[in-house]
Amino acid sequence: MLKATTYVYIIALLVFLVGCNVIHNNKEGASSPNILLIVADDLGYTDLGCFGSEISTPNIDKLAEVGVINTSFYTSPTCAPTRAMLLTGVDNHRNGLGTMGRAANNQKGAPGYEGYLNFDVATLPEILLENGYHTSMAGKWHLSRPSLDTTKWPGNRGFQRYFSLIQAGASHFSDKQPLFSSRQTTYVEDGQIVDRLPENFYSSNYYADKIIEYIDESSKQNKPFFSYVAFTAPHWPLHVPDQHINTYRGFYDDGYEVLAKKRIQSAKDLKIIDDNVVLNPLTPNVIPWEDLNTSEKQLSARTMEVYAAMVNLMDYNIGRIINHLKVTGQYDNTLIIFMSDNGAEGNSILGIGDTREWIAVNNDNTLENIGRKNSYVSTGPSWAQVSSLPFSWYKSFSTEGGVRSPSVISYPKWKHNFKTINNNVLTVMDITPTILDFVNIKNPGGSFKNRKIHPIDGKSLLPWLQGIENITHSDEKAHCWELYGRRGVRKGKWKAEKYDKPYGTGNWELYNLEDDPGEFTNLSSDYPNKLKELVNDWDIYAKDYSVILPEEKVTYGTDEIWRVN
């Protein structure tokens, strides 16, 4: 049942949409709505102020105050599949990102497992470009394999202007240090490799600079814009400029268990989660704070301080872009969507190849240097558990902590004096059809520019926003995930999952998300018929979408610390 505030919001929004005719014809030039799509990289569910965080995110919070906070917004467990679904509305097992990284032997060469955004789908910027939009992006691409194949770069997928990091991540500074010793770092701008970055380069600052530049170009051409800001913050390695490095000094000295209690209470106070939600015990790969020695506590707290500063600085740059829209008179006519690409990062990369030795040789991870150019750290599973509250696990898992993302949608012409908290299930695949519907561009269906494509799997949110529908997805709709063989399916309040030991049992498990969003109590033996129903739903999905489960174990990262209970 929808909350009373949601009904009020829908009525107010419907009146305004009808009275002001905000859904313009896309051929009307610059009067058509602009689109600003913002994606954070590995941001956890409660890492925003409006979701319960102590981290200051005033600009995103302001969007939430005049927009919609989505508490049940779902992505893929990892970044590339999410981005592929975001830009196409098509399931990742069809769009080329059926897996991320190295495909298993039995997946290699199969349709949907190409490892790049294939051409069996049309991208949102391609469609918007064909309909008179100026299209641009700045930030992480991660949809090209091999990375130097220019045919798979953003310019061939609908972006007129772009400055992009082609790979998954890199140093946030000008040195371009790659994520792994075996990788490279490739920045490209409008089809050309960028050999040298400015000396003062910092990822979030520079991406905002570029987006502002591209928005101004759209104005000069008298075209509405679609701008995609794909921040690489707060993806590891954790870096922040020196002037911001002490912003959160001392905030985390009491440890992650204390912070967890504060955040979950704050999320309850903000009505992001229900009052009956409990704080689950630490997962087995997290050492209790009290068991760490003084040096370990200092290093751990410092990494979280830098992480928080990265999130804060990303928010500051979002504010710069929004302020520019206001100064140039474009803010009121811009639909703004913010989201994270997956759960917080709790995996360790130290067990992959020679990464441990490579990091030790090439970086200075002393307490005084963490966060600076030649350091290389991540928050690890402890702080990631806090970022993922109240859910279980984190990035790379089909659990709620891996696939439920913070999301805010705001259109300033929806003028009201209260925020709306939407608890309905939405998915990343809904964004493309929503934007097309919002700007009155026809969904391409099964063909685009004389090529056959997969039809869009997502569903437009606009009928819900207009009050025509009470919800976007029925409780009878099964939403399914799979990555690295880890499987999940949600249907209404029920969630079934199957993931490998030591994280899970290796068997299908069943949870009631309404009573137990942290997925702590396995109800598979109590409701065998419901479990059977959901597993059958997943089997149908796997057949329809040609899901190929890996025959050998393929994982993302490793966990090194396992307590013996």
Protein backbone atom coordinates (compact mmCIF):
# COMPACT_ATOMS: atom_id res chain seq x y z
CA MET A 1 0.00 0.00 0.00
CA LEU A 2 1.30 3.47 -0.86
CA LYS A 3 1.96 5.94 1.94
CA ALA A 4 -0.33 8.98 2.27
CA THR A 5 2.45 11.35 1.28
CA THR A 6 2.91 9.41 -1.93
CA TYR A 7 -0.74 9.87 -2.85
CA VAL A 8 -0.48 13.60 -2.16
CA TYR A 9 2.62 13.81 -4.29
CA ILE A 10 1.05 11.93 -7.20
CA ILE A 11 -2.01 14.19 -7.18
CA ALA A 12 0.10 17.34 -7.02
CA LEU A 13 2.39 16.09 -9.75
CA LEU A 14 -0.49 15.10 -12.00
CA VAL A 15 -2.07 18.53 -11.65
CA PHE A 16 1.20 20.21 -12.47
CA LEU A 17 1.97 17.98 -15.45
CA VAL A 18 -1.44 18.59 -16.96
CA GLY A 19 -1.50 22.31 -16.18
CA CYS A 20 2.00 23.11 -17.40
CA ASN A 21 2.36 20.53 -20.16
CA VAL A 22 5.92 19.61 -19.09
CA ILE A 23 6.10 16.69 -21.47
CA HIS A 24 7.24 18.64 -24.51
CA ASN A 25 7.45 17.38 -28.04
CA ASN A 26 11.09 16.45 -28.65
CA LYS A 27 11.18 18.40 -31.92
CA GLU A 28 10.70 21.74 -30.17
CA GLY A 29 14.42 22.31 -29.79
CA ALA A 30 15.86 23.66 -26.55
CA SER A 31 12.41 23.80 -24.88
CA SER A 32 12.44 20.00 -24.66
CA PRO A 33 13.49 18.71 -21.24
CA ASN A 34 17.19 18.29 -20.57
CA ILE A 35 18.47 15.11 -18.92
CA LEU A 36 21.28 14.95 -16.37
CA LEU A 37 22.13 11.35 -15.43
CA ILE A 38 24.57 11.01 -12.52
CA VAL A 39 26.15 7.73 -11.43
CA ALA A 40 28.41 7.18 -8.43
CA ASP A 41 30.86 4.27 -8.45
CA ASP A 42 30.55 1.74 -5.58
CA LEU A 43 28.57 4.10 -3.35
CA GLY A 44 26.76 2.24 -0.57
CA TYR A 45 23.08 2.44 0.34
CA THR A 46 23.52 4.62 3.44
CA ASP A 47 26.45 6.73 2.21
CA LEU A 48 24.26 9.78 1.48
CA GLY A 49 22.91 12.22 4.03
CA CYS A 50 19.35 11.73 2.76
CA PHE A 51 19.74 7.96 3.32
CA GLY A 52 21.16 8.24 6.85
CA SER A 53 24.87 9.00 6.47
CA GLU A 54 27.06 11.28 8.56
CA ILE A 55 28.82 12.21 5.29
CA SER A 56 27.76 15.66 4.15
CA THR A 57 25.98 15.47 0.76
CA PRO A 58 23.91 18.69 0.73
CA ASN A 59 23.48 18.91 -3.05
CA ILE A 60 22.11 15.40 -3.47
CA ASP A 61 20.01 15.95 -0.34
CA LYS A 62 18.50 19.08 -1.92
CA LEU A 63 17.52 17.05 -4.99
CA ALA A 64 15.83 14.60 -2.65
CA GLU A 65 13.95 17.40 -0.88
CA VAL A 66 12.14 18.32 -4.11
CA GLY A 67 12.17 14.92 -5.74
CA VAL A 68 11.67 11.23 -5.18
CA ILE A 69 13.89 9.07 -2.97
CA ASN A 70 13.76 5.49 -4.23
CA THR A 71 14.42 3.01 -1.44
CA SER A 72 14.03 -0.15 -3.56
CA PHE A 73 16.08 0.67 -6.65
CA TYR A 74 17.94 -2.35 -8.06
CA THR A 75 21.10 -2.65 -10.13
CA SER A 76 23.47 -5.44 -11.11
CA PRO A 77 25.94 -6.74 -8.48
CA THR A 78 28.82 -5.00 -10.32
CA CYS A 79 29.47 -1.91 -12.38
CA ALA A 80 29.78 -2.83 -16.08
CA PRO A 81 26.56 -4.89 -16.25
CA THR A 82 24.71 -2.08 -14.47
CA ARG A 83 26.01 0.57 -16.86
CA ALA A 84 25.08 -1.57 -19.85
CA MET A 85 21.52 -1.98 -18.54
CA LEU A 86 21.30 1.71 -17.59
CA LEU A 87 22.14 2.90 -21.10
CA THR A 88 19.95 0.38 -22.94
CA GLY A 89 17.10 -0.78 -20.70
CA VAL A 90 18.06 -4.32 -21.72
CA ASP A 91 19.13 -7.16 -19.41
CA ASN A 92 22.89 -7.64 -19.19
CA HIS A 93 22.66 -11.26 -20.39
CA ARG A 94 21.51 -9.87 -23.73
CA ASN A 95 23.46 -6.64 -24.04
CA GLY A 96 26.93 -8.22 -23.89
CA LEU A 97 27.77 -8.03 -20.19
CA GLY A 98 26.45 -11.42 -19.10
CA THR A 99 29.55 -11.53 -16.97
CA MET A 100 32.20 -9.03 -16.00
CA GLY A 101 35.90 -9.58 -16.47
CA ARG A 102 37.07 -12.99 -17.55
CA ALA A 103 34.31 -15.16 -18.98
CA ALA A 104 34.27 -18.82 -18.00
CA ASN A 105 35.29 -21.24 -20.71
CA ASN A 106 31.71 -22.32 -21.37
CA GLN A 107 30.59 -18.67 -21.69
CA LYS A 108 33.23 -17.52 -24.17
CA GLY A 109 31.83 -16.65 -27.58
CA ALA A 110 28.20 -16.95 -26.51
CA PRO A 111 25.76 -14.16 -27.44
CA GLY A 112 25.38 -11.80 -24.50
CA TYR A 113 28.82 -12.66 -23.13
CA GLU A 114 30.95 -10.59 -25.50
CA GLY A 115 32.40 -8.56 -22.62
CA TYR A 116 31.43 -5.25 -24.22
CA LEU A 117 28.20 -3.40 -24.96
CA ASN A 118 27.17 -5.28 -28.06
CA PHE A 119 25.35 -3.95 -31.11
CA ASP A 120 22.26 -6.09 -30.56
CA VAL A 121 20.93 -3.18 -28.48
CA ALA A 122 20.31 0.50 -29.08
CA THR A 123 21.68 2.90 -26.49
CA LEU A 124 19.75 5.75 -24.95
CA PRO A 125 22.18 8.40 -26.29
CA GLU A 126 21.90 6.89 -29.80
CA ILE A 127 18.12 7.25 -29.67
CA LEU A 128 18.24 10.76 -28.21
CA LEU A 129 20.86 11.86 -30.73
CA GLU A 130 18.58 10.76 -33.57
CA ASN A 131 15.85 12.90 -32.06
CA GLY A 132 17.65 16.20 -31.82
CA TYR A 133 19.49 15.96 -28.49
CA HIS A 134 23.05 17.02 -27.79
CA THR A 135 24.62 13.99 -26.09
CA SER A 136 27.69 14.01 -23.86
CA MET A 137 29.39 12.10 -21.10
CA ALA A 138 32.30 12.45 -18.71
CA GLY A 139 33.76 9.72 -16.54
CA LYS A 140 33.85 5.94 -16.47
CA TRP A 141 32.85 3.97 -19.56
CA HIS A 142 33.90 0.36 -18.79
CA LEU A 143 31.87 -1.06 -21.69
CA SER A 144 34.70 -1.74 -24.16
CA ARG A 145 36.68 -4.95 -24.46
CA PRO A 146 39.38 -4.82 -25.64
CA SER A 147 39.79 -1.32 -24.28
CA LEU A 148 41.63 0.04 -27.32
CA ASP A 149 38.97 -1.04 -29.81
CA THR A 150 37.72 2.39 -30.86
CA THR A 151 34.55 0.95 -32.42
CA LYS A 152 33.29 0.27 -28.90
CA TRP A 153 34.08 3.68 -27.42
CA PRO A 154 31.33 6.15 -26.42
CA GLY A 155 31.50 8.02 -29.73
CA ASN A 156 30.18 4.96 -31.53
CA ARG A 157 27.38 4.47 -29.02
CA GLY A 158 25.66 7.82 -29.37
CA PHE A 159 27.82 10.34 -27.51
CA GLN A 160 28.78 13.40 -29.55
CA ARG A 161 31.18 14.73 -26.94
CA TYR A 162 32.95 12.71 -24.28
CA PHE A 163 35.89 12.51 -21.94
CA SER A 164 36.08 8.96 -20.63
CA LEU A 165 38.12 6.53 -18.62
CA ILE A 166 37.72 3.40 -20.69
CA GLN A 167 38.67 0.88 -17.99
CA ALA A 168 37.05 0.05 -14.65
CA GLY A 169 39.10 2.50 -12.63
CA ALA A 170 42.48 4.05 -12.01
CA SER A 171 44.23 6.58 -9.83
CA HIS A 172 42.04 9.63 -9.35
CA PHE A 173 45.05 11.87 -9.99
CA SER A 174 47.10 12.75 -13.07
CA ASP A 175 49.54 9.82 -12.73
CA LYS A 176 47.00 7.40 -14.30
CA GLN A 177 48.19 4.45 -12.21
CA PRO A 178 46.06 1.43 -13.22
CA LEU A 179 44.02 -0.79 -10.91
CA PHE A 180 46.26 -3.80 -11.46
CA SER A 181 49.78 -4.37 -12.70
CA SER A 182 48.43 -6.20 -15.75
CA ARG A 183 46.06 -3.37 -16.73
CA GLN A 184 46.47 -0.02 -18.39
CA THR A 185 44.73 3.30 -17.96
CA THR A 186 43.20 4.86 -21.06
CA TYR A 187 41.52 8.23 -21.07
CA VAL A 188 39.95 9.25 -24.36
CA GLU A 189 38.34 12.45 -25.54
CA ASP A 190 36.18 12.55 -28.65
CA GLY A 191 37.91 9.53 -30.17
CA GLN A 192 41.49 10.47 -29.29
CA ILE A 193 43.64 8.98 -26.55
CA VAL A 194 44.63 11.56 -23.94
CA ASP A 195 48.38 11.11 -23.47
CA ARG A 196 48.75 13.47 -20.52
CA LEU A 197 46.30 14.74 -17.94
CA PRO A 198 46.55 18.21 -16.41
CA GLU A 199 48.89 18.28 -13.42
CA ASN A 200 46.03 19.33 -11.11
CA PHE A 201 43.70 16.60 -12.43
CA TYR A 202 41.35 15.04 -9.92
CA SER A 203 38.64 12.82 -11.36
CA SER A 204 35.47 14.31 -9.83
CA ASN A 205 36.58 17.91 -10.42
CA TYR A 206 37.56 17.31 -14.02
CA TYR A 207 34.43 15.35 -14.94
CA ALA A 208 32.29 18.23 -13.65
CA ASP A 209 34.37 20.70 -15.65
CA LYS A 210 33.78 18.70 -18.82
CA ILE A 211 30.05 18.28 -18.30
CA ILE A 212 29.66 22.02 -17.77
CA GLU A 213 31.60 22.60 -20.98
CA TYR A 214 29.40 20.17 -22.91
CA ILE A 215 26.18 21.66 -21.50
CA ASP A 216 27.30 25.10 -22.67
CA GLU A 217 27.93 23.67 -26.12
CA SER A 218 24.37 22.34 -26.27
CA SER A 219 23.08 25.81 -25.41
CA LYS A 220 25.07 27.38 -28.22
CA GLN A 221 23.53 24.85 -30.60
CA ASN A 222 20.06 25.53 -29.16
CA LYS A 223 19.56 21.83 -28.42
CA PRO A 224 18.31 20.04 -25.32
CA PHE A 225 21.05 18.02 -23.69
CA PHE A 226 21.54 14.51 -22.39
CA SER A 227 24.60 14.54 -20.13
CA TYR A 228 25.87 11.43 -18.39
CA VAL A 229 28.22 12.04 -15.45
CA ALA A 230 29.85 8.74 -14.51
CA PHE A 231 31.96 9.55 -11.47
CA THR A 232 34.73 7.14 -10.54
CA ALA A 233 34.34 8.18 -6.90
CA PRO A 234 34.33 6.55 -4.44
CA HIS A 235 35.84 3.54 -6.28
CA TRP A 236 39.24 2.42 -4.98
CA PRO A 237 42.03 3.40 -4.84
CA LEU A 238 40.80 5.94 -2.29
CA HIS A 239 42.18 9.36 -3.21
CA VAL A 240 41.31 12.94 -2.38
CA PRO A 241 43.17 16.24 -2.88
CA ASP A 242 45.21 17.44 0.09
CA GLN A 243 42.90 20.36 0.88
CA HIS A 244 40.09 17.85 1.57
CA ILE A 245 42.04 15.02 3.11
CA ASN A 246 41.31 15.96 6.74
CA THR A 247 37.64 16.89 6.31
CA TYR A 248 36.53 13.80 8.24
CA ARG A 249 39.50 13.50 10.58
CA GLY A 250 38.40 11.71 13.75
CA PHE A 251 34.89 10.85 12.55
CA TYR A 252 35.53 7.10 12.55
CA ASP A 253 37.81 6.58 15.54
CA ASP A 254 35.11 4.68 17.43
CA GLY A 255 34.94 1.97 14.74
CA TYR A 256 32.47 0.45 12.36
CA GLU A 257 30.13 -1.15 14.90
CA VAL A 258 29.45 2.22 16.53
CA LEU A 259 28.93 3.87 13.15
CA ALA A 260 26.56 1.08 12.10
CA LYS A 261 24.27 1.79 15.06
CA LYS A 262 24.25 5.51 14.32
CA ARG A 263 23.51 5.06 10.62
CA ILE A 264 20.72 2.55 11.04
CA GLN A 265 19.00 4.83 13.57
CA SER A 266 19.43 7.80 11.24
CA ALA A 267 17.95 5.81 8.33
CA LYS A 268 14.98 4.97 10.55
CA ASP A 269 14.52 8.60 11.55
CA LEU A 270 14.49 9.58 7.88
CA LYS A 271 11.93 6.82 7.09
CA ILE A 272 14.36 5.17 4.67
CA ILE A 273 13.96 1.91 6.58
CA ASP A 274 11.22 0.73 8.96
CA ASP A 275 11.53 1.09 12.71
CA ASN A 276 11.43 -2.70 13.18
CA VAL A 277 14.63 -3.30 11.18
CA VAL A 278 17.37 -4.83 13.32
CA LEU A 279 21.12 -4.48 13.02
CA ASN A 280 22.53 -7.83 11.92
CA PRO A 281 25.73 -9.30 13.38
CA LEU A 282 29.03 -8.75 11.60
CA THR A 283 29.71 -11.07 8.70
CA PRO A 284 32.41 -13.69 9.32
CA ASN A 285 35.06 -11.84 7.31
CA VAL A 286 35.01 -8.77 9.56
CA ILE A 287 37.23 -8.62 12.64
CA PRO A 288 35.51 -6.84 15.56
CA TRP A 289 36.88 -3.34 16.14
CA GLU A 290 37.92 -4.20 19.68
CA ASP A 291 40.09 -7.04 18.37
CA LEU A 292 42.19 -4.68 16.24
CA ASN A 293 45.39 -3.24 17.65
CA THR A 294 45.96 0.52 17.79
CA SER A 295 47.80 0.72 14.47
CA GLU A 296 45.13 -1.32 12.68
CA LYS A 297 42.40 0.93 14.08
CA GLN A 298 44.21 4.05 12.92
CA LEU A 299 44.76 2.73 9.40
CA SER A 300 41.18 1.49 9.13
CA ALA A 301 39.68 4.76 10.37
CA ARG A 302 41.90 6.73 8.00
CA THR A 303 40.69 4.82 4.94
CA MET A 304 37.08 5.59 5.87
CA GLU A 305 37.96 9.25 6.40
CA VAL A 306 39.31 9.44 2.85
CA TYR A 307 36.29 7.53 1.48
CA ALA A 308 33.93 10.02 3.16
CA ALA A 309 35.89 12.96 1.78
CA MET A 310 35.62 11.47 -1.72
CA VAL A 311 31.83 11.21 -1.41
CA ASN A 312 31.63 14.75 -0.06
CA LEU A 313 33.76 16.10 -2.92
CA MET A 314 31.68 14.23 -5.50
CA ASP A 315 28.58 15.88 -4.03
CA TYR A 316 30.31 19.28 -4.20
CA ASN A 317 30.90 18.79 -7.93
CA ILE A 318 27.31 17.74 -8.46
CA GLY A 319 26.44 21.05 -6.83
CA ARG A 320 28.72 22.88 -9.26
CA ILE A 321 26.87 21.37 -12.22
CA ILE A 322 23.46 22.13 -10.74
CA ASN A 323 24.47 25.68 -9.89
CA HIS A 324 25.63 26.17 -13.48
CA LEU A 325 22.22 25.01 -14.69
CA LYS A 326 20.58 27.56 -12.41
CA VAL A 327 22.85 30.40 -13.51
CA THR A 328 22.20 29.61 -17.17
CA GLY A 329 18.44 29.23 -16.68
CA GLN A 330 18.32 25.52 -17.51
CA TYR A 331 17.75 24.02 -14.09
CA ASP A 332 13.95 24.15 -14.06
CA ASN A 333 13.81 22.24 -17.34
CA THR A 334 16.27 19.47 -16.43
CA LEU A 335 15.34 16.00 -15.24
CA ILE A 336 18.06 14.89 -12.82
CA ILE A 337 18.59 11.24 -11.91
CA PHE A 338 21.17 10.13 -9.36
CA MET A 339 22.14 6.54 -8.52
CA SER A 340 24.99 4.26 -7.55
CA ASP A 341 26.02 1.44 -9.88
CA ASN A 342 26.01 -1.33 -7.24
CA GLY A 343 26.62 -1.91 -3.55
CA ALA A 344 29.61 -0.72 -1.58
CA GLU A 345 32.98 -2.34 -2.29
CA GLY A 346 33.92 -4.88 0.38
CA ASN A 347 35.97 -7.29 -1.72
CA SER A 348 39.74 -7.52 -1.52
CA ILE A 349 41.90 -7.49 -4.63
CA LEU A 350 45.10 -8.42 -2.81
CA GLY A 351 44.81 -12.08 -3.75
CA ILE A 352 44.64 -11.47 -7.49
CA GLY A 353 47.91 -12.27 -9.27
CA ASP A 354 50.83 -10.18 -8.04
CA THR A 355 48.62 -7.33 -6.80
CA ARG A 356 49.88 -7.48 -3.22
CA GLU A 357 53.52 -7.19 -4.23
CA TRP A 358 52.79 -4.63 -6.94
CA ILE A 359 50.94 -2.35 -4.52
CA ALA A 360 53.69 -2.67 -1.91
CA VAL A 361 56.42 -1.75 -4.39
CA ASN A 362 54.60 1.12 -6.11
CA ASN A 363 52.73 2.79 -3.26
CA ASP A 364 53.19 4.31 0.16
CA ASN A 365 50.29 3.18 2.35
CA THR A 366 51.58 4.58 5.61
CA LEU A 367 49.06 6.29 7.86
CA GLU A 368 50.33 9.76 6.94
CA ASN A 369 50.12 9.10 3.19
CA ILE A 370 46.80 7.26 2.76
CA GLY A 371 44.60 9.13 0.29
CA ARG A 372 47.43 10.82 -1.57
CA LYS A 373 48.61 10.23 -5.13
CA ASN A 374 50.98 7.34 -4.46
CA SER A 375 48.75 5.43 -2.04
CA TYR A 376 46.46 2.52 -2.85
CA VAL A 377 43.79 1.42 -0.34
CA SER A 378 40.13 0.44 -0.14
CA THR A 379 37.69 0.39 2.78
CA GLY A 380 37.40 -3.41 2.92
CA PRO A 381 34.49 -5.54 4.16
CA SER A 382 34.14 -3.81 7.55
CA TRP A 383 33.19 -0.32 6.40
CA ALA A 384 31.43 -1.74 3.33
CA GLN A 385 29.05 -3.53 5.68
CA VAL A 386 28.20 -0.17 7.24
CA SER A 387 27.76 1.45 3.83
CA SER A 388 25.39 -1.38 2.86
CA LEU A 389 23.16 -1.15 5.93
CA PRO A 390 20.69 -2.59 6.64
CA PHE A 391 21.45 -5.19 4.00
CA SER A 392 23.76 -8.19 3.76
CA TRP A 393 27.07 -8.35 1.94
CA TYR A 394 28.07 -5.87 -0.75
CA LYS A 395 29.29 -5.48 -4.34
CA SER A 396 29.46 -8.68 -6.45
CA PHE A 397 26.68 -10.41 -4.50
CA SER A 398 23.04 -10.85 -5.50
CA THR A 399 22.10 -10.08 -1.90
CA GLU A 400 20.38 -6.79 -1.12
CA GLY A 401 23.71 -5.25 -0.15
CA GLY A 402 25.03 -5.93 -3.63
CA VAL A 403 22.10 -4.92 -5.80
CA ARG A 404 20.06 -2.28 -3.93
CA SER A 405 21.27 1.22 -4.67
CA PRO A 406 20.50 4.72 -3.36
CA SER A 407 18.58 6.64 -6.01
CA VAL A 408 17.01 10.09 -6.33
CA ILE A 409 14.91 11.48 -9.20
CA SER A 410 14.19 15.20 -9.39
CA TYR A 411 12.56 17.49 -11.91
CA PRO A 412 12.42 21.06 -10.58
CA LYS A 413 9.13 21.81 -12.35
CA TRP A 414 7.58 19.35 -9.91
CA LYS A 415 7.39 22.12 -7.34
CA HIS A 416 6.28 20.97 -3.92
CA ASN A 417 7.47 21.48 -0.38
CA PHE A 418 8.09 17.92 0.70
CA LYS A 419 10.16 14.98 -0.37
CA THR A 420 8.57 11.75 -1.50
CA ILE A 421 9.90 8.40 -0.34
CA ASN A 422 9.05 5.72 -2.87
CA ASN A 423 9.28 2.12 -1.62
CA ASN A 424 8.15 0.54 -4.89
CA VAL A 425 10.57 -1.78 -6.66
CA LEU A 426 12.37 -0.07 -9.55
CA THR A 427 15.29 -1.33 -11.62
CA VAL A 428 18.16 0.24 -13.51
CA MET A 429 16.54 -1.01 -16.73
CA ASP A 430 13.59 1.32 -16.07
CA ILE A 431 15.70 4.45 -16.57
CA THR A 432 16.01 4.34 -20.38
CA PRO A 433 12.27 3.78 -21.07
CA THR A 434 11.39 6.42 -18.47
CA ILE A 435 13.58 9.05 -20.11
CA LEU A 436 12.25 8.21 -23.58
CA ASP A 437 8.70 8.42 -22.28
CA PHE A 438 9.42 11.65 -20.43
CA VAL A 439 10.76 13.42 -23.55
CA ASN A 440 8.07 11.92 -25.78
CA ILE A 441 10.37 9.80 -27.96
CA LYS A 442 9.05 6.51 -29.23
CA ASN A 443 10.52 3.32 -27.82
CA PRO A 444 12.40 1.73 -30.77
CA GLY A 445 11.02 -1.76 -30.12
CA GLY A 446 12.88 -4.47 -32.01
CA SER A 447 14.71 -2.37 -34.61
CA PHE A 448 16.86 0.74 -34.75
CA LYS A 449 18.51 2.34 -37.79
CA ASN A 450 17.91 -0.72 -39.94
CA ARG A 451 19.39 -3.16 -37.44
CA LYS A 452 17.55 -5.72 -35.38
CA ILE A 453 17.83 -5.14 -31.63
CA HIS A 454 16.59 -6.63 -28.40
CA PRO A 455 13.50 -4.79 -27.16
CA ILE A 456 13.76 -2.86 -23.92
CA ASP A 457 13.16 -4.97 -20.80
CA GLY A 458 12.58 -2.10 -18.38
CA LYS A 459 9.33 -0.26 -17.80
CA SER A 460 8.68 3.48 -17.84
CA LEU A 461 8.10 5.10 -14.46
CA LEU A 462 6.14 7.97 -15.98
CA PRO A 463 2.66 6.41 -15.57
CA TRP A 464 3.41 6.05 -11.86
CA LEU A 465 4.71 9.61 -11.64
CA GLN A 466 1.58 10.86 -13.42
CA GLY A 467 -0.69 8.94 -11.06
CA ILE A 468 -2.00 6.70 -13.83
CA GLU A 469 -0.60 3.59 -12.12
CA ASN A 470 -0.21 2.92 -8.39
CA ILE A 471 3.04 1.01 -8.84
CA THR A 472 5.48 0.45 -11.67
CA HIS A 473 6.05 -3.27 -11.18
CA SER A 474 3.44 -5.65 -9.84
CA ASP A 475 4.28 -7.80 -6.82
CA GLU A 476 3.82 -10.74 -9.17
CA LYS A 477 6.74 -9.58 -11.29
CA ALA A 478 9.92 -11.61 -10.71
CA HIS A 479 13.16 -9.57 -10.82
CA CYS A 480 16.21 -11.76 -11.39
CA TRP A 481 19.98 -11.42 -11.12
CA GLU A 482 22.98 -13.58 -11.91
CA LEU A 483 26.69 -12.89 -11.87
CA TYR A 484 29.56 -15.34 -11.33
CA GLY A 485 26.92 -18.01 -10.76
CA ARG A 486 25.49 -16.12 -7.78
CA ARG A 487 21.75 -15.93 -8.28
CA GLY A 488 18.86 -13.94 -6.88
CA VAL A 489 15.17 -13.39 -7.56
CA ARG A 490 12.78 -10.96 -5.87
CA LYS A 491 9.01 -11.23 -6.13
CA GLY A 492 6.96 -8.93 -3.95
CA LYS A 493 8.28 -9.17 -0.40
CA TRP A 494 10.09 -12.45 -1.09
CA LYS A 495 13.70 -12.92 -2.15
CA ALA A 496 15.41 -16.20 -3.04
CA GLU A 497 19.19 -16.42 -3.40
CA LYS A 498 21.84 -18.95 -4.15
CA TYR A 499 25.49 -18.15 -3.66
CA ASP A 500 28.67 -19.98 -2.94
CA LYS A 501 30.32 -21.01 0.30
CA PRO A 502 31.60 -19.56 2.58
CA TYR A 503 29.20 -16.65 1.93
CA GLY A 504 26.10 -18.81 1.60
CA THR A 505 25.11 -22.44 1.92
CA GLY A 506 25.48 -23.23 -1.76
CA ASN A 507 21.72 -23.96 -1.82
CA TRP A 508 18.75 -21.74 -2.55
CA GLU A 509 17.74 -19.65 0.46
CA LEU A 510 14.51 -17.71 1.07
CA TYR A 511 13.98 -14.39 2.85
CA ASN A 512 11.04 -12.15 3.67
CA LEU A 513 12.38 -8.67 2.89
CA GLU A 514 9.43 -6.97 4.51
CA ASP A 515 10.33 -8.40 7.93
CA ASP A 516 14.00 -9.13 7.34
CA PRO A 517 15.65 -6.80 4.78
CA GLY A 518 19.06 -7.83 6.11
CA GLU A 519 18.41 -11.42 4.97
CA PHE A 520 19.44 -12.92 8.28
CA THR A 521 16.74 -15.59 8.70
CA ASN A 522 16.57 -18.26 6.01
CA LEU A 523 12.92 -19.35 5.63
CA SER A 524 13.42 -22.01 2.95
CA SER A 525 12.30 -24.86 5.22
CA ASP A 526 9.31 -22.87 6.52
CA TYR A 527 7.95 -21.91 3.09
CA PRO A 528 9.11 -24.63 0.67
CA ASN A 529 6.36 -23.91 -1.85
CA LYS A 530 7.22 -20.21 -2.00
CA LEU A 531 10.88 -21.08 -2.51
CA LYS A 532 9.94 -23.52 -5.26
CA GLU A 533 7.87 -20.79 -6.94
CA LEU A 534 10.74 -18.30 -6.95
CA VAL A 535 13.30 -20.83 -8.11
CA ASN A 536 10.96 -21.72 -10.96
CA ASP A 537 10.71 -18.01 -11.82
CA TRP A 538 14.49 -17.83 -11.94
CA ASP A 539 14.69 -20.92 -14.15
CA ILE A 540 12.23 -19.34 -16.60
CA TYR A 541 14.30 -16.16 -16.64
CA ALA A 542 17.52 -18.10 -17.18
CA LYS A 543 16.01 -19.92 -20.14
CA ASP A 544 14.43 -16.83 -21.70
CA TYR A 545 17.62 -14.76 -21.37
CA SER A 546 20.05 -17.57 -22.25
CA VAL A 547 21.90 -17.35 -18.94
CA ILE A 548 25.02 -19.52 -18.93
CA LEU A 549 26.22 -20.45 -15.47
CA PRO A 550 30.02 -20.67 -15.28
CA GLU A 551 31.33 -24.23 -15.13
CA GLU A 552 34.42 -23.16 -13.21
CA LYS A 553 34.51 -20.75 -10.29
CA VAL A 554 34.88 -17.17 -11.51
CA THR A 555 34.89 -14.53 -8.80
CA TYR A 556 35.38 -10.84 -8.35
CA GLY A 557 38.13 -10.18 -5.82
CA THR A 558 38.86 -12.27 -2.76
CA ASP A 559 38.33 -12.14 0.96
CA GLU A 560 41.35 -12.86 3.08
CA ILE A 561 40.07 -12.76 6.66
CA TRP A 562 37.71 -15.44 7.93
CA ARG A 563 37.13 -15.77 11.66
CA VAL A 564 36.67 -19.23 13.09
CA ASN A 565 33.53 -19.18 15.21
